[in-house]
N, C-alpha and C. Protein backbone atom coordinates (compact mmCIF):
# COMPACT_ATOMS: atom_id res chain seq x y z
N UNK A 1 -39.82 -118.39 -76.88
CA UNK A 1 -39.61 -118.18 -75.40
C UNK A 1 -39.94 -119.49 -74.69
N UNK A 2 -38.92 -119.61 -73.68
CA UNK A 2 -38.75 -120.96 -72.97
C UNK A 2 -39.99 -121.16 -72.04
N UNK A 3 -40.20 -122.63 -71.76
CA UNK A 3 -41.31 -122.81 -70.85
C UNK A 3 -41.24 -122.12 -69.47
N UNK A 4 -39.94 -122.05 -68.91
CA UNK A 4 -39.87 -121.42 -67.64
C UNK A 4 -40.39 -119.92 -67.73
N UNK A 5 -39.89 -119.24 -68.73
CA UNK A 5 -40.28 -117.87 -68.96
C UNK A 5 -41.79 -117.62 -69.01
N UNK A 6 -42.36 -118.67 -69.69
CA UNK A 6 -43.87 -118.70 -69.97
C UNK A 6 -44.57 -118.92 -68.61
N UNK A 7 -44.06 -119.83 -67.94
CA UNK A 7 -44.61 -120.06 -66.48
C UNK A 7 -44.56 -118.80 -65.60
N UNK A 8 -43.35 -118.23 -65.59
CA UNK A 8 -43.05 -116.98 -64.89
C UNK A 8 -44.01 -115.95 -65.20
N UNK A 9 -44.29 -115.68 -66.58
CA UNK A 9 -44.98 -114.69 -67.10
C UNK A 9 -46.54 -114.89 -66.53
N UNK A 10 -46.97 -116.02 -66.67
CA UNK A 10 -48.42 -116.44 -66.14
C UNK A 10 -48.46 -116.17 -64.66
N UNK A 11 -47.38 -116.57 -63.92
CA UNK A 11 -47.58 -116.40 -62.37
C UNK A 11 -47.52 -114.98 -62.19
N UNK A 12 -46.70 -114.05 -62.85
CA UNK A 12 -46.50 -112.62 -62.69
C UNK A 12 -47.80 -112.01 -63.03
N UNK A 13 -48.54 -112.42 -64.13
CA UNK A 13 -49.81 -111.68 -64.52
C UNK A 13 -50.89 -112.03 -63.30
N UNK A 14 -50.84 -113.40 -62.87
CA UNK A 14 -51.84 -113.72 -61.87
C UNK A 14 -51.62 -112.95 -60.49
N UNK A 15 -50.43 -112.64 -60.01
CA UNK A 15 -50.18 -112.03 -58.86
C UNK A 15 -49.83 -110.71 -58.87
N UNK A 16 -49.68 -110.16 -60.15
CA UNK A 16 -49.38 -108.60 -60.38
C UNK A 16 -47.96 -108.27 -59.78
N UNK A 17 -47.50 -107.22 -60.35
CA UNK A 17 -46.18 -106.80 -59.70
C UNK A 17 -46.30 -105.98 -58.47
N UNK A 18 -45.63 -106.49 -57.41
CA UNK A 18 -45.66 -105.75 -56.12
C UNK A 18 -44.60 -106.37 -55.15
N UNK A 19 -44.36 -105.67 -54.07
CA UNK A 19 -43.31 -106.21 -53.31
C UNK A 19 -44.02 -107.36 -52.41
N UNK A 20 -43.18 -108.46 -52.23
CA UNK A 20 -43.71 -109.62 -51.59
C UNK A 20 -42.95 -110.10 -50.38
N UNK A 21 -43.18 -110.51 -49.40
CA UNK A 21 -42.31 -110.94 -48.18
C UNK A 21 -42.04 -112.44 -48.61
N UNK A 22 -41.01 -112.88 -47.84
CA UNK A 22 -40.61 -114.42 -47.97
C UNK A 22 -41.66 -115.11 -47.60
N UNK A 23 -42.43 -114.85 -46.56
CA UNK A 23 -43.52 -115.70 -46.31
C UNK A 23 -44.67 -115.67 -47.35
N UNK A 24 -44.78 -114.68 -48.02
CA UNK A 24 -45.73 -114.78 -49.07
C UNK A 24 -45.17 -115.61 -50.18
N UNK A 25 -43.96 -115.54 -50.59
CA UNK A 25 -43.21 -116.28 -51.67
C UNK A 25 -43.55 -117.88 -51.31
N UNK A 26 -43.31 -118.11 -49.96
CA UNK A 26 -43.65 -119.47 -49.57
C UNK A 26 -44.91 -119.93 -49.73
N UNK A 27 -45.85 -119.23 -49.59
CA UNK A 27 -47.33 -119.49 -49.65
C UNK A 27 -47.60 -119.76 -51.26
N UNK A 28 -47.17 -118.76 -52.03
CA UNK A 28 -47.45 -118.69 -53.45
C UNK A 28 -46.74 -119.99 -54.17
N UNK A 29 -45.64 -120.24 -53.79
CA UNK A 29 -44.91 -121.39 -54.36
C UNK A 29 -45.55 -122.75 -53.75
N UNK A 30 -45.92 -122.73 -52.63
CA UNK A 30 -46.68 -124.05 -52.17
C UNK A 30 -48.07 -124.25 -52.84
N UNK A 31 -48.73 -123.15 -53.00
CA UNK A 31 -49.93 -123.31 -53.79
C UNK A 31 -49.72 -123.67 -55.28
N UNK A 32 -48.64 -123.16 -55.97
CA UNK A 32 -48.17 -123.56 -57.28
C UNK A 32 -47.88 -125.04 -57.34
N UNK A 33 -47.17 -125.45 -56.20
CA UNK A 33 -46.72 -126.76 -56.15
C UNK A 33 -47.63 -127.90 -56.14
N UNK A 34 -48.90 -127.58 -55.63
CA UNK A 34 -50.18 -128.27 -55.64
C UNK A 34 -50.58 -128.48 -56.98
N UNK A 35 -50.49 -127.51 -57.89
CA UNK A 35 -51.13 -127.51 -59.09
C UNK A 35 -50.17 -128.07 -60.19
N UNK A 36 -48.88 -128.03 -60.04
CA UNK A 36 -47.99 -128.39 -61.29
C UNK A 36 -46.61 -128.75 -60.50
N UNK A 37 -45.72 -129.32 -61.22
CA UNK A 37 -44.32 -129.32 -60.89
C UNK A 37 -43.63 -127.98 -61.01
N UNK A 38 -42.95 -127.81 -60.05
CA UNK A 38 -42.27 -126.47 -59.94
C UNK A 38 -40.82 -126.60 -60.86
N UNK A 39 -40.26 -125.65 -61.32
CA UNK A 39 -39.09 -125.57 -61.94
C UNK A 39 -38.02 -125.57 -61.00
N UNK A 40 -36.90 -126.08 -61.31
CA UNK A 40 -35.75 -126.27 -60.29
C UNK A 40 -35.51 -124.92 -59.67
N UNK A 41 -35.62 -123.70 -60.32
CA UNK A 41 -35.44 -122.45 -59.55
C UNK A 41 -36.59 -122.12 -58.61
N UNK A 42 -37.73 -122.54 -59.10
CA UNK A 42 -38.80 -122.29 -58.09
C UNK A 42 -38.75 -123.31 -56.90
N UNK A 43 -38.30 -124.52 -57.15
CA UNK A 43 -38.11 -125.42 -56.00
C UNK A 43 -36.99 -124.80 -55.04
N UNK A 44 -35.89 -124.20 -55.65
CA UNK A 44 -34.83 -123.61 -54.80
C UNK A 44 -35.53 -122.54 -53.90
N UNK A 45 -36.35 -121.59 -54.65
CA UNK A 45 -36.83 -120.66 -53.99
C UNK A 45 -37.76 -120.87 -52.92
N UNK A 46 -38.50 -122.02 -52.97
CA UNK A 46 -39.36 -122.48 -52.20
C UNK A 46 -38.64 -122.93 -50.81
N UNK A 47 -37.56 -123.76 -51.16
CA UNK A 47 -36.74 -124.13 -50.06
C UNK A 47 -36.21 -122.97 -49.22
N UNK A 48 -35.81 -121.97 -50.04
CA UNK A 48 -35.24 -120.89 -49.35
C UNK A 48 -36.27 -120.27 -48.40
N UNK A 49 -37.45 -120.16 -49.13
CA UNK A 49 -38.51 -119.39 -48.40
C UNK A 49 -38.86 -120.28 -46.97
N UNK A 50 -38.97 -121.52 -47.09
CA UNK A 50 -39.22 -122.41 -46.01
C UNK A 50 -38.09 -122.25 -44.83
N UNK A 51 -36.96 -122.07 -45.27
CA UNK A 51 -35.88 -122.05 -44.34
C UNK A 51 -35.78 -120.61 -43.64
N UNK A 52 -36.23 -119.57 -44.38
CA UNK A 52 -35.93 -118.22 -43.72
C UNK A 52 -37.16 -117.40 -43.62
N UNK A 53 -38.39 -117.91 -43.92
CA UNK A 53 -39.70 -117.26 -43.44
C UNK A 53 -39.76 -117.59 -41.87
N UNK A 54 -39.66 -116.45 -41.09
CA UNK A 54 -39.66 -116.64 -39.74
C UNK A 54 -41.11 -116.46 -39.10
N UNK A 55 -41.96 -115.83 -39.68
CA UNK A 55 -43.29 -115.60 -39.22
C UNK A 55 -44.26 -116.03 -40.18
N UNK A 56 -45.50 -116.30 -39.80
CA UNK A 56 -46.60 -116.69 -40.68
C UNK A 56 -46.77 -115.53 -41.72
N UNK A 57 -47.49 -115.76 -42.76
CA UNK A 57 -47.86 -114.64 -43.70
C UNK A 57 -48.69 -113.72 -42.98
N UNK A 58 -49.72 -114.10 -42.14
CA UNK A 58 -50.68 -113.21 -41.42
C UNK A 58 -49.78 -112.30 -40.63
N UNK A 59 -48.89 -112.86 -39.87
CA UNK A 59 -48.16 -112.10 -38.88
C UNK A 59 -47.17 -111.04 -39.50
N UNK A 60 -46.53 -111.54 -40.72
CA UNK A 60 -45.78 -110.87 -41.59
C UNK A 60 -46.49 -109.60 -42.23
N UNK A 61 -47.74 -109.94 -42.72
CA UNK A 61 -48.36 -108.82 -43.30
C UNK A 61 -48.90 -107.75 -42.24
N UNK A 62 -49.01 -108.16 -41.01
CA UNK A 62 -49.49 -107.29 -39.90
C UNK A 62 -48.42 -106.41 -39.67
N UNK A 63 -47.27 -106.95 -39.53
CA UNK A 63 -46.06 -106.18 -39.17
C UNK A 63 -45.74 -105.18 -40.36
N UNK A 64 -45.89 -105.55 -41.52
CA UNK A 64 -45.55 -104.72 -42.70
C UNK A 64 -46.51 -103.65 -42.58
N UNK A 65 -47.91 -103.80 -42.44
CA UNK A 65 -48.91 -102.77 -42.28
C UNK A 65 -48.52 -101.72 -41.22
N UNK A 66 -48.01 -102.16 -40.05
CA UNK A 66 -47.63 -101.17 -39.12
C UNK A 66 -46.50 -100.41 -39.47
N UNK A 67 -45.54 -100.96 -39.95
CA UNK A 67 -44.23 -100.48 -40.42
C UNK A 67 -44.53 -99.23 -41.43
N UNK A 68 -45.39 -99.58 -42.41
CA UNK A 68 -45.74 -98.77 -43.37
C UNK A 68 -46.48 -97.41 -42.91
N UNK A 69 -47.11 -97.38 -41.76
CA UNK A 69 -47.58 -96.27 -41.03
C UNK A 69 -46.54 -95.23 -40.52
N UNK A 70 -45.34 -95.87 -40.50
CA UNK A 70 -44.35 -94.94 -40.08
C UNK A 70 -43.98 -93.92 -41.26
N UNK A 71 -43.96 -92.65 -40.82
CA UNK A 71 -43.72 -91.70 -42.08
C UNK A 71 -42.53 -91.78 -42.86
N UNK A 72 -41.54 -92.08 -42.32
CA UNK A 72 -40.30 -92.16 -43.06
C UNK A 72 -39.89 -93.67 -43.75
N UNK A 73 -41.06 -94.51 -43.51
CA UNK A 73 -40.75 -95.81 -43.87
C UNK A 73 -40.98 -96.18 -45.36
N UNK A 74 -39.90 -96.33 -46.18
CA UNK A 74 -40.08 -96.63 -47.61
C UNK A 74 -40.71 -98.14 -47.63
N UNK A 75 -41.56 -98.42 -48.54
CA UNK A 75 -42.17 -99.78 -48.70
C UNK A 75 -41.34 -100.82 -48.91
N UNK A 76 -40.09 -100.84 -49.65
CA UNK A 76 -39.16 -101.79 -49.71
C UNK A 76 -38.57 -102.15 -48.54
N UNK A 77 -38.28 -101.09 -47.61
CA UNK A 77 -37.61 -101.37 -46.41
C UNK A 77 -38.51 -102.10 -45.40
N UNK A 78 -39.80 -101.74 -45.52
CA UNK A 78 -40.87 -102.21 -44.55
C UNK A 78 -40.83 -103.95 -44.83
N UNK A 79 -40.80 -104.32 -46.15
CA UNK A 79 -40.62 -105.73 -46.44
C UNK A 79 -39.38 -106.41 -46.00
N UNK A 80 -38.27 -105.66 -46.09
CA UNK A 80 -37.04 -106.22 -45.79
C UNK A 80 -37.02 -106.33 -44.26
N UNK A 81 -37.53 -105.50 -43.69
CA UNK A 81 -37.57 -105.55 -42.06
C UNK A 81 -38.38 -106.67 -41.67
N UNK A 82 -39.52 -106.95 -42.26
CA UNK A 82 -40.52 -108.08 -41.93
C UNK A 82 -39.71 -109.38 -42.35
N UNK A 83 -38.96 -109.41 -43.40
CA UNK A 83 -38.28 -110.64 -43.79
C UNK A 83 -37.06 -111.05 -42.80
N UNK A 84 -36.34 -109.91 -42.35
CA UNK A 84 -35.10 -110.09 -41.69
C UNK A 84 -35.29 -110.19 -40.18
N UNK A 85 -36.38 -109.29 -39.66
CA UNK A 85 -36.66 -109.31 -38.33
C UNK A 85 -35.44 -108.81 -37.57
N UNK A 86 -34.87 -107.54 -37.87
CA UNK A 86 -33.81 -107.07 -37.07
C UNK A 86 -34.09 -106.99 -35.46
N UNK A 87 -32.90 -107.15 -34.81
CA UNK A 87 -32.99 -107.11 -33.33
C UNK A 87 -32.12 -106.04 -32.61
N UNK A 88 -31.50 -105.41 -33.49
CA UNK A 88 -30.47 -104.41 -33.01
C UNK A 88 -30.59 -103.18 -33.75
N UNK A 89 -30.19 -101.77 -33.15
CA UNK A 89 -30.38 -100.61 -33.94
C UNK A 89 -29.50 -100.55 -35.20
N UNK A 90 -28.34 -101.12 -35.10
CA UNK A 90 -27.32 -101.13 -36.23
C UNK A 90 -28.08 -101.87 -37.45
N UNK A 91 -28.84 -102.95 -37.12
CA UNK A 91 -29.37 -103.59 -38.22
C UNK A 91 -30.34 -102.70 -39.11
N UNK A 92 -31.09 -101.93 -38.28
CA UNK A 92 -32.07 -100.89 -38.87
C UNK A 92 -31.17 -100.09 -39.72
N UNK A 93 -30.16 -99.53 -39.05
CA UNK A 93 -29.39 -98.39 -39.85
C UNK A 93 -28.79 -99.14 -41.21
N UNK A 94 -28.40 -100.33 -41.20
CA UNK A 94 -28.07 -100.91 -42.47
C UNK A 94 -29.04 -100.90 -43.36
N UNK A 95 -30.31 -101.38 -42.96
CA UNK A 95 -31.46 -101.38 -43.96
C UNK A 95 -31.79 -100.03 -44.49
N UNK A 96 -31.50 -99.01 -43.84
CA UNK A 96 -31.90 -97.70 -44.21
C UNK A 96 -30.73 -97.03 -44.88
N UNK A 97 -29.59 -97.63 -45.24
CA UNK A 97 -28.33 -97.10 -45.56
C UNK A 97 -28.47 -96.45 -46.95
N UNK A 98 -29.21 -97.25 -47.87
CA UNK A 98 -29.45 -96.64 -49.22
C UNK A 98 -30.52 -95.62 -49.37
N UNK A 99 -31.40 -95.41 -48.23
CA UNK A 99 -32.45 -94.50 -48.27
C UNK A 99 -31.86 -93.11 -47.91
N UNK A 100 -32.49 -92.08 -48.37
CA UNK A 100 -32.16 -90.77 -47.96
C UNK A 100 -32.99 -90.21 -46.84
N UNK A 101 -33.04 -91.14 -45.79
CA UNK A 101 -33.73 -90.86 -44.59
C UNK A 101 -32.88 -91.19 -43.49
N UNK A 102 -32.99 -90.24 -42.54
CA UNK A 102 -32.25 -90.48 -41.30
C UNK A 102 -33.13 -90.78 -40.10
N UNK A 103 -33.01 -91.95 -39.49
CA UNK A 103 -33.81 -92.11 -38.21
C UNK A 103 -33.20 -91.66 -37.13
N UNK A 104 -33.86 -91.09 -36.01
CA UNK A 104 -33.40 -90.95 -34.78
C UNK A 104 -33.58 -92.10 -33.94
N UNK A 105 -33.07 -92.00 -32.75
CA UNK A 105 -33.00 -93.31 -31.74
C UNK A 105 -34.52 -93.62 -31.43
N UNK A 106 -35.41 -92.66 -31.20
CA UNK A 106 -36.82 -93.19 -30.90
C UNK A 106 -37.48 -93.87 -32.12
N UNK A 107 -37.29 -93.44 -33.28
CA UNK A 107 -37.81 -94.01 -34.52
C UNK A 107 -37.32 -95.39 -34.64
N UNK A 108 -36.06 -95.67 -34.44
CA UNK A 108 -35.29 -96.93 -34.49
C UNK A 108 -35.81 -97.96 -33.46
N UNK A 109 -35.89 -97.36 -32.32
CA UNK A 109 -36.45 -98.15 -31.13
C UNK A 109 -37.96 -98.53 -31.41
N UNK A 110 -38.75 -97.67 -32.02
CA UNK A 110 -40.23 -97.97 -32.30
C UNK A 110 -40.17 -99.21 -33.25
N UNK A 111 -39.38 -99.09 -34.37
CA UNK A 111 -39.24 -100.10 -35.30
C UNK A 111 -38.89 -101.42 -34.64
N UNK A 112 -37.88 -101.48 -33.82
CA UNK A 112 -37.41 -102.73 -33.01
C UNK A 112 -38.63 -103.22 -32.20
N UNK A 113 -39.39 -102.18 -31.53
CA UNK A 113 -40.54 -102.71 -30.71
C UNK A 113 -41.61 -103.37 -31.56
N UNK A 114 -41.80 -102.90 -32.57
CA UNK A 114 -42.92 -103.44 -33.63
C UNK A 114 -42.36 -104.85 -33.96
N UNK A 115 -41.07 -105.07 -34.28
CA UNK A 115 -40.70 -106.36 -34.60
C UNK A 115 -40.73 -107.26 -33.54
N UNK A 116 -40.43 -106.93 -32.34
CA UNK A 116 -40.54 -107.87 -31.10
C UNK A 116 -42.02 -108.14 -30.88
N UNK A 117 -42.72 -107.16 -31.01
CA UNK A 117 -44.37 -107.39 -30.71
C UNK A 117 -44.65 -108.58 -31.74
N UNK A 118 -44.35 -108.46 -32.85
CA UNK A 118 -44.95 -109.50 -33.92
C UNK A 118 -44.15 -110.87 -33.82
N UNK A 119 -42.95 -110.94 -33.21
CA UNK A 119 -42.15 -112.07 -33.03
C UNK A 119 -42.83 -112.96 -31.86
N UNK A 120 -43.35 -112.25 -30.91
CA UNK A 120 -43.73 -112.91 -29.70
C UNK A 120 -44.95 -113.47 -29.63
C-alpha cells in the first residue's frame, strides 16, 4: 500500500466517514499541514478549499443545521447548498434535480432566505 493511501486511511479513521463541507475540508487540511507535509493532492484540495469556502466553518455548520431541519432536505443537498450558497431558485432546483423531491416556491424561498441570513 502506498504512503498516500496509508495517510488517507489514517485521516479517514481519525475523522470517520461523514459528509463534510468545503469549510471543514479547509480546517482539517490546515490542521494536518501544521503536523506534516501534505501530499500534492492534499495541497491541491487545500488550495481549492481556500478559494471556494465562502463562509467560516461555524457559519457553514449553522446553515447546514438549519437546512437539515427542513423535512424534504436530504443531508448531501444541505452540504452542497452550504458550499455553493445559491442565490436563485433555479440553483436550488438544480441541486434537487437528482432527488425524488419536488419543492414548492415557499420551500425554495425559505432555503434562499436561510442562505442569505448566513451570508450576511
